[in-house]
C-alpha atoms as a PDB file:
ATOM      1  CA  MET A   1     -42.622-104.856  14.979  1.00  0.00           C
ATOM      2  CA  TYR A   2     -41.439-106.469  18.110  1.00  0.00           C
ATOM      3  CA  ASN A   3     -40.545-104.637  21.253  1.00  0.00           C
ATOM      4  CA  ASN A   4     -37.165-105.870  22.631  1.00  0.00           C
ATOM      5  CA  GLU A   5     -38.093-104.451  26.034  1.00  0.00           C
ATOM      6  CA  ASP A   6     -41.174-106.457  26.279  1.00  0.00           C
ATOM      7  CA  PRO A   7     -40.647-109.262  28.832  1.00  0.00           C
ATOM      8  CA  GLY A   8     -42.684-111.645  26.776  1.00  0.00           C
ATOM      9  CA  TYR A   9     -40.520-110.963  23.671  1.00  0.00           C
ATOM     10  CA  GLU A  10     -38.772-114.088  22.201  1.00  0.00           C
ATOM     11  CA  ILE A  11     -35.733-114.002  19.836  1.00  0.00           C
ATOM     12  CA  PRO A  12     -36.603-115.545  16.476  1.00  0.00           C
ATOM     13  CA  GLU A  13     -34.787-118.767  15.482  1.00  0.00           C
ATOM     14  CA  THR A  14     -32.729-117.077  12.745  1.00  0.00           C
ATOM     15  CA  ALA A  15     -31.345-114.512  15.152  1.00  0.00           C
ATOM     16  CA  ARG A  16     -30.428-117.292  17.622  1.00  0.00           C
ATOM     17  CA  ARG A  17     -28.508-119.192  15.029  1.00  0.00           C
ATOM     18  CA  ILE A  18     -26.555-116.156  13.970  1.00  0.00           C
ATOM     19  CA  LYS A  19     -25.607-115.565  17.523  1.00  0.00           C
ATOM     20  CA  ASP A  20     -24.468-119.174  17.938  1.00  0.00           C
ATOM     21  CA  ILE A  21     -22.336-118.961  14.769  1.00  0.00           C
ATOM     22  CA  ILE A  22     -20.673-115.734  15.971  1.00  0.00           C
ATOM     23  CA  SER A  23     -19.979-117.196  19.354  1.00  0.00           C
ATOM     24  CA  ARG A  24     -18.429-120.315  17.830  1.00  0.00           C
ATOM     25  CA  TYR A  25     -16.154-118.314  15.464  1.00  0.00           C
ATOM     26  CA  LEU A  26     -15.078-116.078  18.344  1.00  0.00           C
ATOM     27  CA  ARG A  27     -14.038-119.115  20.289  1.00  0.00           C
ATOM     28  CA  ILE A  28     -12.126-120.400  17.323  1.00  0.00           C
ATOM     29  CA  ILE A  29     -10.404-117.073  16.836  1.00  0.00           C
ATOM     30  CA  VAL A  30      -9.499-116.908  20.529  1.00  0.00           C
ATOM     31  CA  ILE A  31      -8.130-120.447  20.511  1.00  0.00           C
ATOM     32  CA  GLY A  32      -6.184-119.728  17.205  1.00  0.00           C
ATOM     33  CA  VAL A  33      -4.671-116.584  18.717  1.00  0.00           C
ATOM     34  CA  PHE A  34      -3.706-118.471  21.872  1.00  0.00           C
ATOM     35  CA  VAL A  35      -2.140-121.256  19.729  1.00  0.00           C
ATOM     36  CA  LEU A  36      -0.198-118.706  17.741  1.00  0.00           C
ATOM     37  CA  ILE A  37       0.996-117.010  20.918  1.00  0.00           C
ATOM     38  CA  LEU A  38       2.083-120.393  22.239  1.00  0.00           C
ATOM     39  CA  ALA A  39       3.807-121.278  18.968  1.00  0.00           C
ATOM     40  CA  PHE A  40       5.675-117.942  18.834  1.00  0.00           C
ATOM     41  CA  ALA A  41       6.649-118.276  22.490  1.00  0.00           C
ATOM     42  CA  SER A  42       7.872-121.844  21.961  1.00  0.00           C
ATOM     43  CA  LEU A  43       9.776-121.550  18.764  1.00  0.00           C
ATOM     44  CA  PHE A  44      12.965-119.523  18.422  1.00  0.00           C
ATOM     45  CA  GLN A  45      15.846-119.321  15.952  1.00  0.00           C
ATOM     46  CA  ILE A  46      19.552-119.360  16.879  1.00  0.00           C
ATOM     47  CA  GLU A  47      21.935-117.751  14.327  1.00  0.00           C
ATOM     48  CA  PRO A  48      25.054-119.560  13.106  1.00  0.00           C
ATOM     49  CA  GLU A  49      27.412-117.472  15.279  1.00  0.00           C
ATOM     50  CA  GLU A  50      25.341-117.897  18.439  1.00  0.00           C
ATOM     51  CA  VAL A  51      24.298-120.484  20.973  1.00  0.00           C
ATOM     52  CA  GLY A  52      21.113-120.456  23.094  1.00  0.00           C
ATOM     53  CA  VAL A  53      21.190-120.825  26.945  1.00  0.00           C
ATOM     54  CA  ILE A  54      17.880-122.015  28.386  1.00  0.00           C
ATOM     55  CA  THR A  55      16.847-121.391  31.976  1.00  0.00           C
ATOM     56  CA  ARG A  56      13.664-122.654  33.650  1.00  0.00           C
ATOM     57  CA  PHE A  57      12.441-120.368  36.429  1.00  0.00           C
ATOM     58  CA  GLY A  58      15.973-119.002  36.686  1.00  0.00           C
ATOM     59  CA  LYS A  59      17.739-122.327  36.772  1.00  0.00           C
ATOM     60  CA  TYR A  60      20.135-123.341  33.965  1.00  0.00           C
ATOM     61  CA  ILE A  61      18.635-126.289  31.922  1.00  0.00           C
ATOM     62  CA  ARG A  62      20.533-126.655  28.624  1.00  0.00           C
ATOM     63  CA  THR A  63      22.474-125.107  25.816  1.00  0.00           C
ATOM     64  CA  VAL A  64      21.067-125.236  22.270  1.00  0.00           C
ATOM     65  CA  ASP A  65      22.988-125.115  18.965  1.00  0.00           C
ATOM     66  CA  PRO A  66      22.186-122.845  15.961  1.00  0.00           C
ATOM     67  CA  GLY A  67      18.939-123.561  14.144  1.00  0.00           C
ATOM     68  CA  LEU A  68      15.215-123.710  14.975  1.00  0.00           C
ATOM     69  CA  ASN A  69      14.557-124.873  18.564  1.00  0.00           C
ATOM     70  CA  LEU A  70      11.660-125.178  21.036  1.00  0.00           C
ATOM     71  CA  LYS A  71      11.226-124.094  24.665  1.00  0.00           C
ATOM     72  CA  ILE A  72       8.469-124.136  27.212  1.00  0.00           C
ATOM     73  CA  PRO A  73       6.659-120.810  26.958  1.00  0.00           C
ATOM     74  CA  PHE A  74       6.392-118.575  29.957  1.00  0.00           C
ATOM     75  CA  ALA A  75       8.443-121.050  32.013  1.00  0.00           C
ATOM     76  CA  GLU A  76      11.779-121.114  30.163  1.00  0.00           C
ATOM     77  CA  THR A  77      13.871-118.086  29.285  1.00  0.00           C
ATOM     78  CA  LEU A  78      16.236-117.871  26.309  1.00  0.00           C
ATOM     79  CA  TYR A  79      19.622-116.088  26.316  1.00  0.00           C
ATOM     80  CA  LYS A  80      21.450-115.754  22.994  1.00  0.00           C
ATOM     81  CA  VAL A  81      25.209-115.660  23.313  1.00  0.00           C
ATOM     82  CA  PRO A  82      27.402-114.730  20.246  1.00  0.00           C
ATOM     83  CA  VAL A  83      30.191-117.253  20.830  1.00  0.00           C
ATOM     84  CA  GLU A  84      31.709-116.954  17.327  1.00  0.00           C
ATOM     85  CA  ARG A  85      31.679-113.209  17.092  1.00  0.00           C
ATOM     86  CA  GLN A  86      34.788-111.278  17.937  1.00  0.00           C
ATOM     87  CA  GLN A  87      33.973-108.391  20.206  1.00  0.00           C
ATOM     88  CA  LYS A  88      36.188-105.486  21.294  1.00  0.00           C
ATOM     89  CA  LEU A  89      36.586-102.913  23.997  1.00  0.00           C
ATOM     90  CA  GLU A  90      38.106 -99.482  23.217  1.00  0.00           C
ATOM     91  CA  PHE A  91      40.208 -97.609  25.717  1.00  0.00           C
ATOM     92  CA  GLY A  92      41.072 -93.916  25.459  1.00  0.00           C
ATOM     93  CA  PHE A  93      38.819 -93.371  22.444  1.00  0.00           C
ATOM     94  CA  ARG A  94      35.437 -94.351  21.090  1.00  0.00           C
ATOM     95  CA  THR A  95      34.289 -95.203  17.531  1.00  0.00           C
ATOM     96  CA  THR A  96      31.660 -92.638  16.635  1.00  0.00           C
ATOM     97  CA  ASP A  97      30.785 -93.474  12.962  1.00  0.00           C
ATOM     98  CA  THR A  98      31.442 -96.603  10.954  1.00  0.00           C
ATOM     99  CA  ARG A  99      28.902 -96.068   8.224  1.00  0.00           C
ATOM    100  CA  SER A 100      31.067 -93.814   6.083  1.00  0.00           C
ATOM    101  CA  GLN A 101      34.146 -94.869   4.200  1.00  0.00           C
ATOM    102  CA  LYS A 102      36.380 -93.213   6.802  1.00  0.00           C
ATOM    103  CA  THR A 103      35.710 -94.332  10.361  1.00  0.00           C
ATOM    104  CA  SER A 104      35.492 -91.469  12.897  1.00  0.00           C
ATOM    105  CA  TYR A 105      36.909 -91.608  16.431  1.00  0.00           C
ATOM    106  CA  SER A 106      36.569 -89.394  19.430  1.00  0.00           C
ATOM    107  CA  LYS A 107      38.173 -89.232  22.819  1.00  0.00           C
ATOM    108  CA  GLY A 108      35.325 -87.537  24.577  1.00  0.00           C
ATOM    109  CA  SER A 109      34.947 -88.865  28.171  1.00  0.00           C
ATOM    110  CA  ALA A 110      37.430 -91.661  27.541  1.00  0.00           C
ATOM    111  CA  ALA A 111      40.435 -89.376  27.700  1.00  0.00           C
ATOM    112  CA  GLU A 112      41.117 -90.224  31.352  1.00  0.00           C
ATOM    113  CA  GLU A 113      41.487 -93.945  30.507  1.00  0.00           C
ATOM    114  CA  SER A 114      44.570 -93.364  28.352  1.00  0.00           C
ATOM    115  CA  GLN A 115      46.472 -91.071  30.795  1.00  0.00           C
ATOM    116  CA  MET A 116      49.171 -93.277  32.439  1.00  0.00           C
ATOM    117  CA  LEU A 117      52.273 -92.750  34.524  1.00  0.00           C
ATOM    118  CA  THR A 118      55.355 -94.662  33.308  1.00  0.00           C
ATOM    119  CA  GLY A 119      58.099 -96.170  35.411  1.00  0.00           C
ATOM    120  CA  ASP A 120      60.404 -93.147  35.013  1.00  0.00           C
ATOM    121  CA  LEU A 121      57.600 -90.788  36.249  1.00  0.00           C
ATOM    122  CA  ASN A 122      56.627 -89.576  32.814  1.00  0.00           C
ATOM    123  CA  LEU A 123      53.084 -89.282  31.364  1.00  0.00           C
ATOM    124  CA  ALA A 124      51.981 -91.197  28.321  1.00  0.00           C
ATOM    125  CA  ASP A 125      48.686 -91.171  26.413  1.00  0.00           C
ATOM    126  CA  VAL A 126      48.041 -94.872  25.670  1.00  0.00           C
ATOM    127  CA  GLU A 127      45.083 -95.906  23.443  1.00  0.00           C
ATOM    128  CA  TRP A 128      44.464 -99.572  22.976  1.00  0.00           C
ATOM    129  CA  VAL A 129      41.851-102.179  22.013  1.00  0.00           C
ATOM    130  CA  VAL A 130      41.085-105.520  23.637  1.00  0.00           C
ATOM    131  CA  GLN A 131      39.577-108.138  21.217  1.00  0.00           C
ATOM    132  CA  TYR A 132      37.851-111.169  22.870  1.00  0.00           C
ATOM    133  CA  ARG A 133      35.392-113.962  22.350  1.00  0.00           C
ATOM    134  CA  ILE A 134      32.965-115.780  24.611  1.00  0.00           C
ATOM    135  CA  ASP A 135      34.129-119.413  24.948  1.00  0.00           C
ATOM    136  CA  ASN A 136      31.901-120.457  27.884  1.00  0.00           C
ATOM    137  CA  PRO A 137      28.368-119.099  27.717  1.00  0.00           C
ATOM    138  CA  TYR A 138      27.306-120.426  31.107  1.00  0.00           C
ATOM    139  CA  ASN A 139      30.246-118.737  32.882  1.00  0.00           C
ATOM    140  CA  TYR A 140      29.798-115.544  30.878  1.00  0.00           C
ATOM    141  CA  LEU A 141      26.036-115.273  31.887  1.00  0.00           C
ATOM    142  CA  PHE A 142      26.014-116.560  35.475  1.00  0.00           C
ATOM    143  CA  ASN A 143      29.420-116.355  37.145  1.00  0.00           C
ATOM    144  CA  VAL A 144      30.189-112.630  36.795  1.00  0.00           C
ATOM    145  CA  LYS A 145      27.709-109.738  36.908  1.00  0.00           C
ATOM    146  CA  ASN A 146      28.271-107.318  34.013  1.00  0.00           C
ATOM    147  CA  PRO A 147      31.237-109.210  32.460  1.00  0.00           C
ATOM    148  CA  GLU A 148      32.026-106.517  29.877  1.00  0.00           C
ATOM    149  CA  THR A 149      32.314-103.921  32.631  1.00  0.00           C
ATOM    150  CA  THR A 150      34.514-106.259  34.686  1.00  0.00           C
ATOM    151  CA  LEU A 151      36.751-106.916  31.649  1.00  0.00           C
ATOM    152  CA  ARG A 152      37.116-103.215  31.039  1.00  0.00           C
ATOM    153  CA  TYR A 153      38.278-102.603  34.620  1.00  0.00           C
ATOM    154  CA  MET A 154      40.603-105.556  34.476  1.00  0.00           C
ATOM    155  CA  SER A 155      42.151-104.449  31.164  1.00  0.00           C
ATOM    156  CA  GLU A 156      42.727-100.905  32.385  1.00  0.00           C
ATOM    157  CA  ALA A 157      44.323-102.107  35.590  1.00  0.00           C
ATOM    158  CA  ALA A 158      46.616-104.497  33.644  1.00  0.00           C
ATOM    159  CA  MET A 159      47.703-101.849  31.191  1.00  0.00           C
ATOM    160  CA  ARG A 160      48.520 -99.383  33.997  1.00  0.00           C
ATOM    161  CA  LEU A 161      50.456-102.035  35.820  1.00  0.00           C
ATOM    162  CA  VAL A 162      52.574-103.025  32.777  1.00  0.00           C
ATOM    163  CA  VAL A 163      53.168 -99.362  31.588  1.00  0.00           C
ATOM    164  CA  GLY A 164      54.179 -98.506  35.192  1.00  0.00           C
ATOM    165  CA  ASP A 165      57.097-100.946  34.991  1.00  0.00           C
ATOM    166  CA  ARG A 166      58.600 -99.397  31.860  1.00  0.00           C
ATOM    167  CA  THR A 167      60.158 -96.115  30.747  1.00  0.00           C
ATOM    168  CA  VAL A 168      58.320 -93.754  28.529  1.00  0.00           C
ATOM    169  CA  ASN A 169      60.708 -94.471  25.637  1.00  0.00           C
ATOM    170  CA  GLU A 170      60.051 -98.173  25.874  1.00  0.00           C
ATOM    171  CA  VAL A 171      56.268 -97.596  25.776  1.00  0.00           C
ATOM    172  CA  LEU A 172      56.461 -95.185  22.859  1.00  0.00           C
ATOM    173  CA  THR A 173      58.974 -97.098  20.715  1.00  0.00           C
ATOM    174  CA  VAL A 174      60.558-100.432  20.948  1.00  0.00           C
ATOM    175  CA  GLY A 175      58.474-101.890  23.880  1.00  0.00           C
ATOM    176  CA  ARG A 176      55.003-101.544  22.417  1.00  0.00           C
ATOM    177  CA  THR A 177      54.765-105.200  21.320  1.00  0.00           C
ATOM    178  CA  GLU A 178      56.045-106.520  24.631  1.00  0.00           C
ATOM    179  CA  VAL A 179      53.517-104.288  26.464  1.00  0.00           C
ATOM    180  CA  ALA A 180      50.626-105.646  24.443  1.00  0.00           C
ATOM    181  CA  ASN A 181      51.596-109.247  24.897  1.00  0.00           C
ATOM    182  CA  GLU A 182      52.140-108.892  28.596  1.00  0.00           C
ATOM    183  CA  VAL A 183      48.751-107.198  29.044  1.00  0.00           C
ATOM    184  CA  LEU A 184      47.050-109.993  27.014  1.00  0.00           C
ATOM    185  CA  LEU A 185      48.585-112.754  29.238  1.00  0.00           C
ATOM    186  CA  LEU A 186      47.627-110.826  32.404  1.00  0.00           C
ATOM    187  CA  VAL A 187      43.989-110.144  31.370  1.00  0.00           C
ATOM    188  CA  GLN A 188      43.569-113.755  30.336  1.00  0.00           C
ATOM    189  CA  GLU A 189      44.977-115.008  33.616  1.00  0.00           C
ATOM    190  CA  LEU A 190      42.513-112.776  35.532  1.00  0.00           C
ATOM    191  CA  SER A 191      39.639-113.872  33.330  1.00  0.00           C
ATOM    192  CA  ASN A 192      40.391-117.547  33.918  1.00  0.00           C
ATOM    193  CA  GLU A 193      40.744-116.939  37.690  1.00  0.00           C
ATOM    194  CA  TYR A 194      37.346-115.256  37.898  1.00  0.00           C
ATOM    195  CA  SER A 195      35.752-117.895  35.458  1.00  0.00           C
ATOM    196  CA  MET A 196      34.367-115.191  33.255  1.00  0.00           C
ATOM    197  CA  GLY A 197      34.109-117.517  30.181  1.00  0.00           C
ATOM    198  CA  LEU A 198      36.184-115.167  27.948  1.00  0.00           C
ATOM    199  CA  LYS A 199      39.126-115.803  25.625  1.00  0.00           C
ATOM    200  CA  ILE A 200      41.271-112.752  24.939  1.00  0.00           C
ATOM    201  CA  ASP A 201      42.342-112.850  21.256  1.00  0.00           C
ATOM    202  CA  GLN A 202      44.469-109.795  20.988  1.00  0.00           C
ATOM    203  CA  VAL A 203      45.569-106.595  22.667  1.00  0.00           C
ATOM    204  CA  VAL A 204      46.458-103.865  20.142  1.00  0.00           C
ATOM    205  CA  LEU A 205      48.095-100.569  21.020  1.00  0.00           C
ATOM    206  CA  GLN A 206      46.348 -98.155  18.678  1.00  0.00           C
ATOM    207  CA  ASP A 207      48.268 -94.943  19.445  1.00  0.00           C
ATOM    208  CA  VAL A 208      50.912 -94.027  22.030  1.00  0.00           C
ATOM    209  CA  ASN A 209      51.862 -90.384  22.424  1.00  0.00           C
ATOM    210  CA  PRO A 210      53.023 -87.997  25.042  1.00  0.00           C
ATOM    211  CA  PRO A 211      50.362 -85.717  26.479  1.00  0.00           C
ATOM    212  CA  ASP A 212      49.565 -82.613  24.383  1.00  0.00           C
ATOM    213  CA  ALA A 213      51.053 -80.327  27.025  1.00  0.00           C
ATOM    214  CA  VAL A 214      54.521 -81.802  26.691  1.00  0.00           C
ATOM    215  CA  LYS A 215      54.408 -83.134  23.107  1.00  0.00           C
ATOM    216  CA  ALA A 216      56.600 -80.339  21.705  1.00  0.00           C
ATOM    217  CA  ALA A 217      59.287 -80.883  24.295  1.00  0.00           C
ATOM    218  CA  PHE A 218      59.149 -84.599  23.860  1.00  0.00           C
ATOM    219  CA  ASN A 219      59.509 -84.249  20.105  1.00  0.00           C
ATOM    220  CA  ALA A 220      62.503 -81.953  20.590  1.00  0.00           C
ATOM    221  CA  VAL A 221      64.152 -84.574  22.871  1.00  0.00           C
ATOM    222  CA  ASN A 222      63.438 -87.343  20.319  1.00  0.00           C
ATOM    223  CA  GLN A 223      64.967 -85.251  17.578  1.00  0.00           C
ATOM    224  CA  ALA A 224      68.076 -84.632  19.736  1.00  0.00           C
ATOM    225  CA  GLN A 225      68.387 -88.352  20.373  1.00  0.00           C
ATOM    226  CA  GLN A 226      68.082 -89.109  16.722  1.00  0.00           C
ATOM    227  CA  GLU A 227      70.829 -86.570  15.891  1.00  0.00           C
ATOM    228  CA  ARG A 228      72.946 -88.128  18.656  1.00  0.00           C
ATOM    229  CA  SER A 229      72.444 -91.600  17.170  1.00  0.00           C
ATOM    230  CA  THR A 230      73.285 -90.230  13.693  1.00  0.00           C
ATOM    231  CA  LEU A 231      76.527 -88.722  14.944  1.00  0.00           C
ATOM    232  CA  ILE A 232      77.453 -91.854  16.763  1.00  0.00           C
ATOM    233  CA  ASN A 233      76.870 -93.872  13.647  1.00  0.00           C
ATOM    234  CA  GLU A 234      78.996 -91.577  11.608  1.00  0.00           C
ATOM    235  CA  ALA A 235      81.800 -91.655  14.145  1.00  0.00           C
ATOM    236  CA  GLU A 236      81.630 -95.495  14.203  1.00  0.00           C
ATOM    237  CA  SER A 237      81.711 -95.558  10.394  1.00  0.00           C
ATOM    238  CA  GLU A 238      84.860 -93.368  10.396  1.00  0.00           C
ATOM    239  CA  TYR A 239      86.372 -95.511  13.170  1.00  0.00           C
ATOM    240  CA  ASN A 240      85.712 -98.648  11.041  1.00  0.00           C
ATOM    241  CA  LYS A 241      87.534 -97.012   8.105  1.00  0.00           C
ATOM    242  CA  VAL A 242      90.568 -95.584   9.872  1.00  0.00           C
ATOM    243  CA  ILE A 243      91.342 -98.151  12.614  1.00  0.00           C
ATOM    244  CA  PRO A 244      91.437-101.268  10.341  1.00  0.00           C
ATOM    245  CA  LYS A 245      93.697 -99.398   7.892  1.00  0.00           C
ATOM    246  CA  ALA A 246      95.996 -98.273  10.655  1.00  0.00           C
ATOM    247  CA  LYS A 247      96.090-101.818  12.063  1.00  0.00           C
ATOM    248  CA  GLY A 248      96.922-103.133   8.538  1.00  0.00           C
ATOM    249  CA  GLN A 249      99.719-100.599   8.172  1.00  0.00           C
ATOM    250  CA  ALA A 250     101.116-101.413  11.606  1.00  0.00           C
ATOM    251  CA  LYS A 251     100.964-105.155  10.804  1.00  0.00           C
ATOM    252  CA  GLU A 252     102.740-104.537   7.454  1.00  0.00           C
ATOM    253  CA  THR A 253     105.470-102.478   9.115  1.00  0.00           C
ATOM    254  CA  ILE A 254     105.951-105.152  11.757  1.00  0.00           C
ATOM    255  CA  GLN A 255     106.232-107.850   9.083  1.00  0.00           C
ATOM    256  CA  LYS A 256     108.716-105.776   7.081  1.00  0.00           C
ATOM    257  CA  ALA A 257     110.801-105.280  10.194  1.00  0.00           C
ATOM    258  CA  GLU A 258     110.660-108.939  11.026  1.00  0.00           C
ATOM    259  CA  GLY A 259     111.665-109.774   7.371  1.00  0.00           C
ATOM    260  CA  TYR A 260     114.637-107.341   7.570  1.00  0.00           C
ATOM    261  CA  ALA A 261     115.679-108.725  10.897  1.00  0.00           C
ATOM    262  CA  ALA A 262     115.549-112.268   9.531  1.00  0.00           C
ATOM    263  CA  GLU A 263     117.524-111.132   6.432  1.00  0.00           C
ATOM    264  CA  ARG A 264     120.223-109.442   8.492  1.00  0.00           C
ATOM    265  CA  LEU A 265     120.434-112.385  10.821  1.00  0.00           C
ATOM    266  CA  ASN A 266     120.757-114.871   7.927  1.00  0.00           C
ATOM    267  CA  ASN A 267     123.407-112.727   6.216  1.00  0.00           C
ATOM    268  CA  ALA A 268     125.297-112.492   9.467  1.00  0.00           C
ATOM    269  CA  ARG A 269     125.155-116.211   9.975  1.00  0.00           C
ATOM    270  CA  GLY A 270     126.327-116.684   6.390  1.00  0.00           C
ATOM    271  CA  GLU A 271     129.261-114.313   6.892  1.00  0.00           C
ATOM    272  CA  VAL A 272     130.203-116.113  10.023  1.00  0.00           C
ATOM    273  CA  SER A 273     129.986-119.490   8.317  1.00  0.00           C
ATOM    274  CA  ARG A 274     132.129-118.062   5.378  1.00  0.00           C
ATOM    275  CA  PHE A 275     134.697-116.597   7.763  1.00  0.00           C
ATOM    276  CA  ASN A 276     134.945-119.881   9.600  1.00  0.00           C
ATOM    277  CA  ASP A 277     135.480-121.779   6.316  1.00  0.00           C
ATOM    278  CA  LEU A 278     138.145-119.242   5.202  1.00  0.00           C
ATOM    279  CA  TYR A 279     139.876-119.515   8.614  1.00  0.00           C
ATOM    280  CA  LYS A 280     140.047-123.276   8.240  1.00  0.00           C
ATOM    281  CA  GLU A 281     141.618-122.930   4.783  1.00  0.00           C
ATOM    282  CA  TYR A 282     143.909-120.209   6.078  1.00  0.00           C
ATOM    283  CA  VAL A 283     145.208-122.535   8.808  1.00  0.00           C
ATOM    284  CA  LYS A 284     145.946-125.175   6.224  1.00  0.00           C
ATOM    285  CA  ALA A 285     147.754-122.850   3.701  1.00  0.00           C
ATOM    286  CA  PRO A 286     148.181-119.321   4.971  1.00  0.00           C
ATOM    287  CA  GLU A 287     150.131-117.884   1.907  1.00  0.00           C
ATOM    288  CA  VAL A 288     147.761-119.270  -0.655  1.00  0.00           C
ATOM    289  CA  THR A 289     144.803-118.043   1.251  1.00  0.00           C
ATOM    290  CA  LYS A 290     146.314-114.565   1.622  1.00  0.00           C
ATOM    291  CA  ARG A 291     147.017-114.362  -2.067  1.00  0.00           C
ATOM    292  CA  ARG A 292     143.517-115.598  -3.025  1.00  0.00           C
ATOM    293  CA  LEU A 293     141.908-113.048  -0.668  1.00  0.00           C
ATOM    294  CA  TYR A 294     144.145-110.307  -2.190  1.00  0.00           C
ATOM    295  CA  LEU A 295     143.152-111.173  -5.709  1.00  0.00           C
ATOM    296  CA  GLU A 296     139.467-111.398  -4.899  1.00  0.00           C
ATOM    297  CA  THR A 297     139.630-108.038  -3.147  1.00  0.00           C
ATOM    298  CA  MET A 298     141.357-106.380  -6.091  1.00  0.00           C
ATOM    299  CA  ASN A 299     138.864-107.964  -8.466  1.00  0.00           C
ATOM    300  CA  ARG A 300     136.117-106.281  -6.630  1.00  0.00           C
ATOM    301  CA  VAL A 301     137.856-102.936  -6.089  1.00  0.00           C
ATOM    302  CA  LEU A 302     139.583-102.274  -9.448  1.00  0.00           C
ATOM    303  CA  PRO A 303     136.432-102.159 -11.665  1.00  0.00           C
ATOM    304  CA  LYS A 304     135.118 -99.373  -9.437  1.00  0.00           C
ATOM    305  CA  LEU A 305     138.176 -97.123 -10.054  1.00  0.00           C
ATOM    306  CA  GLY A 306     138.565 -94.710 -12.970  1.00  0.00           C
ATOM    307  CA  ASN A 307     141.793 -94.738 -15.113  1.00  0.00           C
ATOM    308  CA  LYS A 308     144.367 -97.158 -13.845  1.00  0.00           C
ATOM    309  CA  ILE A 309     148.212 -96.965 -14.153  1.00  0.00           C
ATOM    310  CA  ILE A 310     150.042-100.191 -13.419  1.00  0.00           C
ATOM    311  CA  THR A 311     153.817-100.193 -13.115  1.00  0.00           C
ATOM    312  CA  ASP A 312     156.281-102.702 -11.924  1.00  0.00           C
ATOM    313  CA  GLY A 313     158.403-102.440  -8.921  1.00  0.00           C
ATOM    314  CA  LYS A 314     161.264-100.714 -10.912  1.00  0.00           C
ATOM    315  CA  GLY A 315     159.162 -97.800 -12.083  1.00  0.00           C
ATOM    316  CA  ASN A 316     160.748 -94.718 -10.660  1.00  0.00           C
ATOM    317  CA  ASN A 317     158.565 -91.966 -12.032  1.00  0.00           C
ATOM    318  CA  VAL A 318     155.003 -92.052 -13.367  1.00  0.00           C
ATOM    319  CA  LEU A 319     154.843 -88.351 -14.367  1.00  0.00           C
ATOM    320  CA  PRO A 320     155.589 -88.913 -18.078  1.00  0.00           C
ATOM    321  CA  LEU A 321     152.802 -91.403 -18.274  1.00  0.00           C
ATOM    322  CA  LEU A 322     150.441 -89.010 -16.543  1.00  0.00           C
ATOM    323  CA  GLN A 323     151.381 -86.176 -19.089  1.00  0.00           C
ATOM    324  CA  MET A 324     150.722 -88.489 -22.025  1.00  0.00           C
ATOM    325  CA  GLN A 325     147.346 -89.314 -20.671  1.00  0.00           C
ATOM    326  CA  MET A 326     146.434 -85.738 -20.132  1.00  0.00           C
ATOM    327  CA  GLN A 327     147.448 -84.831 -23.702  1.00  0.00           C
ATOM    328  CA  ASN A 328     145.360 -87.599 -25.073  1.00  0.00           C
ATOM    329  CA  GLN A 329     142.383 -86.383 -23.132  1.00  0.00           C
ATOM    330  CA  SER A 330     142.876 -82.738 -24.440  1.00  0.00           C
ATOM    331  CA  ILE A 331     142.898 -83.705 -28.193  1.00  0.00           C
ATOM    332  CA  PRO A 332     139.498 -83.219 -29.761  1.00  0.00           C
ATOM    333  CA  ALA A 333     137.752 -86.300 -30.989  1.00  0.00           C
ATOM    334  CA  SER A 334     137.709 -85.015 -34.612  1.00  0.00           C
ATOM    335  CA  GLN A 335     141.460 -84.681 -34.766  1.00  0.00           C
ATOM    336  CA  THR A 336     141.861 -88.096 -33.320  1.00  0.00           C
ATOM    337  CA  GLN A 337     139.580 -89.523 -36.069  1.00  0.00           C
ATOM    338  CA  ASP A 338     141.668 -87.658 -38.832  1.00  0.00           C
ATOM    339  CA  THR A 339     144.927 -88.974 -37.459  1.00  0.00           C
ATOM    340  CA  GLN A 340     143.510 -92.475 -37.547  1.00  0.00           C
ATOM    341  CA  LYS A 341     142.401 -92.039 -41.198  1.00  0.00           C
ATOM    342  CA  GLN A 342     145.884 -90.812 -42.220  1.00  0.00           C
ATOM    343  CA  ASN A 343     147.488 -93.793 -40.608  1.00  0.00           C
END
């Protein structure tokens, strides 16, 4: 046996070769590991909905598209920006669970965001969502610090401004769409002014209610207003039934009166014309005209009389004729028929 502690000890040739092989393999392994580290540090993948922003020692260099790309390791830094993904900010509530079939929401500490004062000094609980996209990665990363926080403050300020210019009824009912559109324009204008690199897609009012403390009173007021509207509609319906009918009857009466007046006027004009014609004939032949008028008058009057007795100017007494007439009237009809048969 050899003593390794002996100064005159020499390593055999086989042991020296083994040591050289181990050293060579260690160098290869170290170099391979270093190469792998460089490869992993240089290669990166950009997803289809993203772009990559490259900075070198903090200075912007370039923007790369989706796919496999290279960068200088340890000198260049990569920022992945989801430009095609629609993102959202929630105000007045937070989504707590989206894994189940029914999404869960909670107000939690976000309750103060939704408490707003309207233009008529009423309180409203306004919950809304701002949906946005990143349309300029450079501005989004380097122009504004914490762009999402800035956007949240801007959206809340814009909503409070718009709601403060309207009554509580407008915010709760007919004015919701106008409020959302105006907030969208205002937030987009502020985003462009600050060069945040954001595009506001939509502002959605999720839920607008009165505060819980006054909800019962507010519902009672709404019910009273609905009843008032119902009564007004019923009154207008009855008005639309009665008034047109009355107007039609009045128009009909006026037309009848105008027709009657026209008839009387035309008759009067006809009588005047007839009288004038008669007068002209009378002037020409007074006696003939008198006689003709007398005969026409008698022709109209006599058929309207009952029994008629006509005598000449020499008749002194009409009593016998009247007695005969009375006797004829007192004889029964059967006797009259028998007398006629005998004759």
